[in-house]
Amino acid sequence: MKMINLSVNFNDINSHSEFHEKFKRLFGFPDFYGKNFHAFIDCLTSLRIPEDGMTTVNIQQDEYILLEVIDINHLQDDLKHDFLLAIQEINNRCTLLGEKASLLLLLSKS
């Protein structure tokens, strides 16, 4: 499998709104992105389906994204919990479609 590296620093995220804005920019979510975790999951489930138009970042079947997450412990507990559950759900959807996980996390500190 091929890997695409992306990085997100949670040091400057202090609210749900800031979280969703950062990920909207990172992955190129559409203007109608709902800025909630249901929309987050839906957009990132389409990483391998570019025709959906849900992200400007797209991967092939033999690729995955290695997302370096810097300072995850800076996030509020509920936001951190929701983020991790969302990543799990995105990868569960991949499995249901007969694919390998699309998002792998690398947790690091700044």
N, C-alpha and C. Protein backbone atom coordinates (compact mmCIF):
# COMPACT_ATOMS: atom_id res chain seq x y z
N MET A 1 0.83 -1.19 0.00
CA MET A 1 0.00 0.00 0.00
C MET A 1 0.88 1.25 0.00
N LYS A 2 0.38 2.27 -0.65
CA LYS A 2 1.06 3.56 -0.68
C LYS A 2 0.48 4.45 0.42
N MET A 3 1.30 5.40 0.85
CA MET A 3 0.91 6.24 1.96
C MET A 3 0.96 7.71 1.55
N ILE A 4 -0.06 8.46 1.96
CA ILE A 4 -0.07 9.91 1.84
C ILE A 4 0.01 10.46 3.25
N ASN A 5 0.99 11.32 3.49
CA ASN A 5 1.18 11.89 4.83
C ASN A 5 0.50 13.24 4.95
N LEU A 6 -0.30 13.38 5.99
CA LEU A 6 -0.91 14.66 6.36
C LEU A 6 -0.67 14.87 7.84
N SER A 7 -0.76 16.11 8.26
CA SER A 7 -0.50 16.43 9.65
C SER A 7 -1.51 17.44 10.15
N VAL A 8 -1.94 17.27 11.39
CA VAL A 8 -2.83 18.23 12.03
C VAL A 8 -2.34 18.46 13.45
N ASN A 9 -2.22 19.74 13.83
CA ASN A 9 -1.76 20.10 15.16
C ASN A 9 -2.97 20.59 15.96
N PHE A 10 -3.25 19.90 17.05
CA PHE A 10 -4.41 20.25 17.87
C PHE A 10 -4.09 21.31 18.92
N ASN A 11 -2.88 21.81 18.92
CA ASN A 11 -2.48 22.81 19.91
C ASN A 11 -3.30 24.08 19.83
N ASP A 12 -3.76 24.45 18.64
CA ASP A 12 -4.49 25.69 18.47
C ASP A 12 -5.99 25.48 18.28
N ILE A 13 -6.50 24.31 18.67
CA ILE A 13 -7.93 24.03 18.56
C ILE A 13 -8.54 24.07 19.95
N ASN A 14 -9.49 24.99 20.13
CA ASN A 14 -10.11 25.18 21.44
C ASN A 14 -11.61 25.00 21.42
N SER A 15 -12.17 24.63 20.27
CA SER A 15 -13.62 24.47 20.18
C SER A 15 -13.96 23.51 19.04
N HIS A 16 -15.21 23.05 19.06
CA HIS A 16 -15.68 22.20 17.97
C HIS A 16 -15.61 22.94 16.64
N SER A 17 -15.96 24.20 16.66
CA SER A 17 -15.94 25.00 15.44
C SER A 17 -14.54 25.08 14.85
N GLU A 18 -13.53 25.34 15.68
CA GLU A 18 -12.15 25.40 15.21
C GLU A 18 -11.69 24.04 14.67
N PHE A 19 -12.10 22.97 15.34
CA PHE A 19 -11.77 21.61 14.88
C PHE A 19 -12.29 21.40 13.46
N HIS A 20 -13.57 21.67 13.27
CA HIS A 20 -14.19 21.40 11.96
C HIS A 20 -13.65 22.32 10.87
N GLU A 21 -13.34 23.56 11.20
CA GLU A 21 -12.74 24.46 10.21
C GLU A 21 -11.36 23.96 9.78
N LYS A 22 -10.58 23.49 10.74
CA LYS A 22 -9.23 22.98 10.43
C LYS A 22 -9.32 21.77 9.50
N PHE A 23 -10.22 20.84 9.79
CA PHE A 23 -10.34 19.65 8.96
C PHE A 23 -10.98 19.97 7.61
N LYS A 24 -11.87 20.94 7.58
CA LYS A 24 -12.45 21.36 6.30
C LYS A 24 -11.36 21.85 5.37
N ARG A 25 -10.43 22.65 5.90
CA ARG A 25 -9.32 23.16 5.08
C ARG A 25 -8.34 22.03 4.72
N LEU A 26 -8.02 21.17 5.69
CA LEU A 26 -7.04 20.11 5.47
C LEU A 26 -7.48 19.14 4.37
N PHE A 27 -8.74 18.74 4.41
CA PHE A 27 -9.24 17.74 3.47
C PHE A 27 -10.06 18.32 2.31
N GLY A 28 -10.29 19.63 2.34
CA GLY A 28 -11.04 20.25 1.25
C GLY A 28 -12.50 19.82 1.22
N PHE A 29 -13.15 19.82 2.38
CA PHE A 29 -14.57 19.50 2.42
C PHE A 29 -15.36 20.56 1.66
N PRO A 30 -16.52 20.21 1.14
CA PRO A 30 -17.31 21.17 0.36
C PRO A 30 -17.86 22.31 1.24
N ASP A 31 -18.30 23.37 0.60
CA ASP A 31 -18.84 24.53 1.32
C ASP A 31 -20.04 24.17 2.18
N PHE A 32 -20.80 23.16 1.78
CA PHE A 32 -21.99 22.78 2.55
C PHE A 32 -21.69 21.83 3.72
N TYR A 33 -20.39 21.61 3.99
CA TYR A 33 -19.99 20.74 5.11
C TYR A 33 -20.71 21.18 6.38
N GLY A 34 -21.34 20.23 7.06
CA GLY A 34 -22.19 20.52 8.22
C GLY A 34 -21.48 20.82 9.53
N LYS A 35 -20.16 20.69 9.57
CA LYS A 35 -19.37 20.99 10.76
C LYS A 35 -19.86 20.25 12.00
N ASN A 36 -20.09 18.96 11.81
CA ASN A 36 -20.42 18.05 12.91
C ASN A 36 -19.80 16.70 12.57
N PHE A 37 -19.81 15.79 13.54
CA PHE A 37 -19.11 14.53 13.30
C PHE A 37 -19.83 13.60 12.34
N HIS A 38 -21.13 13.73 12.17
CA HIS A 38 -21.80 12.92 11.15
C HIS A 38 -21.31 13.35 9.76
N ALA A 39 -21.22 14.66 9.54
CA ALA A 39 -20.73 15.17 8.26
C ALA A 39 -19.25 14.83 8.07
N PHE A 40 -18.46 14.92 9.14
CA PHE A 40 -17.04 14.57 9.11
C PHE A 40 -16.86 13.13 8.63
N ILE A 41 -17.62 12.22 9.21
CA ILE A 41 -17.56 10.81 8.83
C ILE A 41 -17.97 10.63 7.37
N ASP A 42 -19.07 11.26 6.98
CA ASP A 42 -19.54 11.13 5.60
C ASP A 42 -18.50 11.63 4.60
N CYS A 43 -17.92 12.78 4.87
CA CYS A 43 -16.91 13.33 3.94
C CYS A 43 -15.71 12.41 3.83
N LEU A 44 -15.18 11.96 4.96
CA LEU A 44 -13.97 11.15 4.93
C LEU A 44 -14.22 9.71 4.48
N THR A 45 -15.45 9.27 4.51
CA THR A 45 -15.77 7.96 3.94
C THR A 45 -15.59 7.99 2.43
N SER A 46 -15.63 9.18 1.83
CA SER A 46 -15.52 9.32 0.38
C SER A 46 -14.10 9.55 -0.11
N LEU A 47 -13.10 9.31 0.72
CA LEU A 47 -11.72 9.52 0.30
C LEU A 47 -11.37 8.75 -0.97
N ARG A 48 -11.94 7.57 -1.13
CA ARG A 48 -11.66 6.74 -2.30
C ARG A 48 -12.72 6.88 -3.39
N ILE A 49 -13.60 7.85 -3.23
CA ILE A 49 -14.68 8.05 -4.20
C ILE A 49 -14.68 9.51 -4.63
N PRO A 50 -13.72 9.91 -5.46
CA PRO A 50 -13.58 11.33 -5.81
C PRO A 50 -14.82 11.92 -6.49
N GLU A 51 -15.57 11.10 -7.18
CA GLU A 51 -16.76 11.61 -7.86
C GLU A 51 -17.83 12.11 -6.88
N ASP A 52 -17.72 11.72 -5.62
CA ASP A 52 -18.65 12.25 -4.60
C ASP A 52 -18.41 13.73 -4.34
N GLY A 53 -17.20 14.21 -4.57
CA GLY A 53 -16.89 15.62 -4.36
C GLY A 53 -16.88 16.05 -2.91
N MET A 54 -16.64 15.11 -2.01
CA MET A 54 -16.69 15.42 -0.57
C MET A 54 -15.33 15.85 -0.01
N THR A 55 -14.25 15.58 -0.74
CA THR A 55 -12.91 16.00 -0.32
C THR A 55 -12.10 16.36 -1.56
N THR A 56 -11.12 17.22 -1.37
CA THR A 56 -10.18 17.46 -2.46
C THR A 56 -8.97 16.54 -2.33
N VAL A 57 -8.87 15.86 -1.21
CA VAL A 57 -7.84 14.84 -0.99
C VAL A 57 -8.48 13.51 -1.33
N ASN A 58 -7.89 12.78 -2.26
CA ASN A 58 -8.44 11.49 -2.65
C ASN A 58 -7.32 10.46 -2.70
N ILE A 59 -7.69 9.22 -2.42
CA ILE A 59 -6.73 8.13 -2.45
C ILE A 59 -7.27 6.99 -3.30
N GLN A 60 -6.35 6.20 -3.80
CA GLN A 60 -6.68 5.02 -4.59
C GLN A 60 -6.91 3.83 -3.65
N GLN A 61 -7.36 2.73 -4.22
CA GLN A 61 -7.63 1.53 -3.41
C GLN A 61 -6.39 1.02 -2.70
N ASP A 62 -5.21 1.22 -3.29
CA ASP A 62 -3.98 0.71 -2.69
C ASP A 62 -3.27 1.77 -1.84
N GLU A 63 -3.97 2.85 -1.50
CA GLU A 63 -3.37 3.92 -0.71
C GLU A 63 -4.12 4.11 0.60
N TYR A 64 -3.44 4.76 1.52
CA TYR A 64 -4.07 5.18 2.77
C TYR A 64 -3.43 6.48 3.21
N ILE A 65 -4.09 7.15 4.11
CA ILE A 65 -3.57 8.41 4.66
C ILE A 65 -3.02 8.13 6.04
N LEU A 66 -1.77 8.53 6.23
CA LEU A 66 -1.17 8.51 7.56
C LEU A 66 -1.32 9.93 8.10
N LEU A 67 -2.21 10.09 9.06
CA LEU A 67 -2.50 11.39 9.62
C LEU A 67 -1.74 11.55 10.92
N GLU A 68 -0.72 12.41 10.89
CA GLU A 68 0.02 12.70 12.11
C GLU A 68 -0.81 13.67 12.92
N VAL A 69 -1.17 13.24 14.12
CA VAL A 69 -1.98 14.04 15.03
C VAL A 69 -1.06 14.54 16.14
N ILE A 70 -0.84 15.84 16.15
CA ILE A 70 0.09 16.44 17.10
C ILE A 70 -0.70 17.00 18.28
N ASP A 71 -0.31 16.61 19.47
CA ASP A 71 -0.90 17.11 20.72
C ASP A 71 -2.39 16.84 20.84
N ILE A 72 -2.80 15.59 20.64
CA ILE A 72 -4.21 15.23 20.76
C ILE A 72 -4.73 15.51 22.17
N ASN A 73 -3.86 15.45 23.17
CA ASN A 73 -4.31 15.67 24.54
C ASN A 73 -4.65 17.13 24.82
N HIS A 74 -4.37 18.01 23.88
CA HIS A 74 -4.80 19.40 24.03
C HIS A 74 -6.31 19.54 23.82
N LEU A 75 -6.90 18.60 23.08
CA LEU A 75 -8.34 18.67 22.81
C LEU A 75 -9.16 18.45 24.07
N GLN A 76 -10.32 19.08 24.11
CA GLN A 76 -11.28 18.80 25.16
C GLN A 76 -11.61 17.31 25.10
N ASP A 77 -11.88 16.71 26.24
CA ASP A 77 -12.11 15.26 26.29
C ASP A 77 -13.23 14.81 25.37
N ASP A 78 -14.33 15.55 25.32
CA ASP A 78 -15.44 15.12 24.47
C ASP A 78 -15.08 15.22 22.99
N LEU A 79 -14.32 16.23 22.63
CA LEU A 79 -13.90 16.39 21.24
C LEU A 79 -12.90 15.30 20.84
N LYS A 80 -11.98 14.99 21.73
CA LYS A 80 -11.02 13.92 21.47
C LYS A 80 -11.75 12.58 21.30
N HIS A 81 -12.69 12.32 22.17
CA HIS A 81 -13.48 11.08 22.11
C HIS A 81 -14.23 10.98 20.79
N ASP A 82 -14.92 12.06 20.42
CA ASP A 82 -15.69 12.06 19.17
C ASP A 82 -14.79 11.89 17.94
N PHE A 83 -13.63 12.53 17.97
CA PHE A 83 -12.68 12.41 16.86
C PHE A 83 -12.23 10.96 16.69
N LEU A 84 -11.82 10.33 17.77
CA LEU A 84 -11.33 8.95 17.69
C LEU A 84 -12.44 7.99 17.27
N LEU A 85 -13.65 8.19 17.78
CA LEU A 85 -14.77 7.34 17.35
C LEU A 85 -15.09 7.55 15.87
N ALA A 86 -14.96 8.78 15.41
CA ALA A 86 -15.22 9.07 14.00
C ALA A 86 -14.21 8.36 13.10
N ILE A 87 -12.94 8.40 13.47
CA ILE A 87 -11.91 7.69 12.68
C ILE A 87 -12.22 6.19 12.65
N GLN A 88 -12.60 5.66 13.79
CA GLN A 88 -12.96 4.24 13.86
C GLN A 88 -14.13 3.93 12.92
N GLU A 89 -15.15 4.78 12.92
CA GLU A 89 -16.32 4.56 12.07
C GLU A 89 -15.96 4.66 10.59
N ILE A 90 -15.11 5.62 10.23
CA ILE A 90 -14.68 5.75 8.84
C ILE A 90 -13.99 4.46 8.39
N ASN A 91 -13.10 3.94 9.21
CA ASN A 91 -12.40 2.70 8.85
C ASN A 91 -13.33 1.49 8.89
N ASN A 92 -14.32 1.49 9.78
CA ASN A 92 -15.32 0.42 9.78
C ASN A 92 -16.10 0.41 8.47
N ARG A 93 -16.43 1.58 7.98
CA ARG A 93 -17.15 1.66 6.69
C ARG A 93 -16.29 1.11 5.57
N CYS A 94 -15.00 1.39 5.61
CA CYS A 94 -14.09 0.83 4.59
C CYS A 94 -14.15 -0.69 4.63
N THR A 95 -14.09 -1.25 5.82
CA THR A 95 -14.13 -2.70 5.99
C THR A 95 -15.43 -3.28 5.43
N LEU A 96 -16.53 -2.61 5.71
CA LEU A 96 -17.83 -3.07 5.19
C LEU A 96 -17.87 -3.06 3.67
N LEU A 97 -17.10 -2.16 3.06
CA LEU A 97 -17.04 -2.09 1.60
C LEU A 97 -15.98 -3.03 1.02
N GLY A 98 -15.35 -3.83 1.88
CA GLY A 98 -14.33 -4.77 1.43
C GLY A 98 -12.98 -4.12 1.19
N GLU A 99 -12.77 -2.93 1.75
CA GLU A 99 -11.52 -2.20 1.57
C GLU A 99 -10.69 -2.24 2.85
N LYS A 100 -9.45 -1.85 2.72
CA LYS A 100 -8.60 -1.65 3.90
C LYS A 100 -8.89 -0.28 4.48
N ALA A 101 -8.48 -0.08 5.72
CA ALA A 101 -8.66 1.22 6.37
C ALA A 101 -8.08 2.34 5.51
N SER A 102 -8.73 3.48 5.53
CA SER A 102 -8.25 4.61 4.73
C SER A 102 -7.44 5.60 5.56
N LEU A 103 -7.65 5.63 6.87
CA LEU A 103 -6.97 6.58 7.74
C LEU A 103 -6.24 5.88 8.88
N LEU A 104 -4.95 6.13 8.95
CA LEU A 104 -4.14 5.63 10.05
C LEU A 104 -3.64 6.83 10.85
N LEU A 105 -3.64 6.73 12.15
CA LEU A 105 -3.21 7.84 12.99
C LEU A 105 -1.84 7.60 13.55
N LEU A 106 -1.03 8.66 13.57
CA LEU A 106 0.26 8.67 14.23
C LEU A 106 0.15 9.76 15.28
N LEU A 107 0.14 9.38 16.56
CA LEU A 107 0.00 10.34 17.64
C LEU A 107 1.39 10.81 18.07
N SER A 108 1.58 12.14 18.07
CA SER A 108 2.90 12.67 18.44
C SER A 108 2.74 13.96 19.23
N LYS A 109 3.84 14.42 19.75
CA LYS A 109 3.87 15.66 20.53
C LYS A 109 4.71 16.69 19.77
N SER A 110 4.37 17.94 19.99
CA SER A 110 5.14 19.00 19.32
C SER A 110 6.46 19.25 20.06
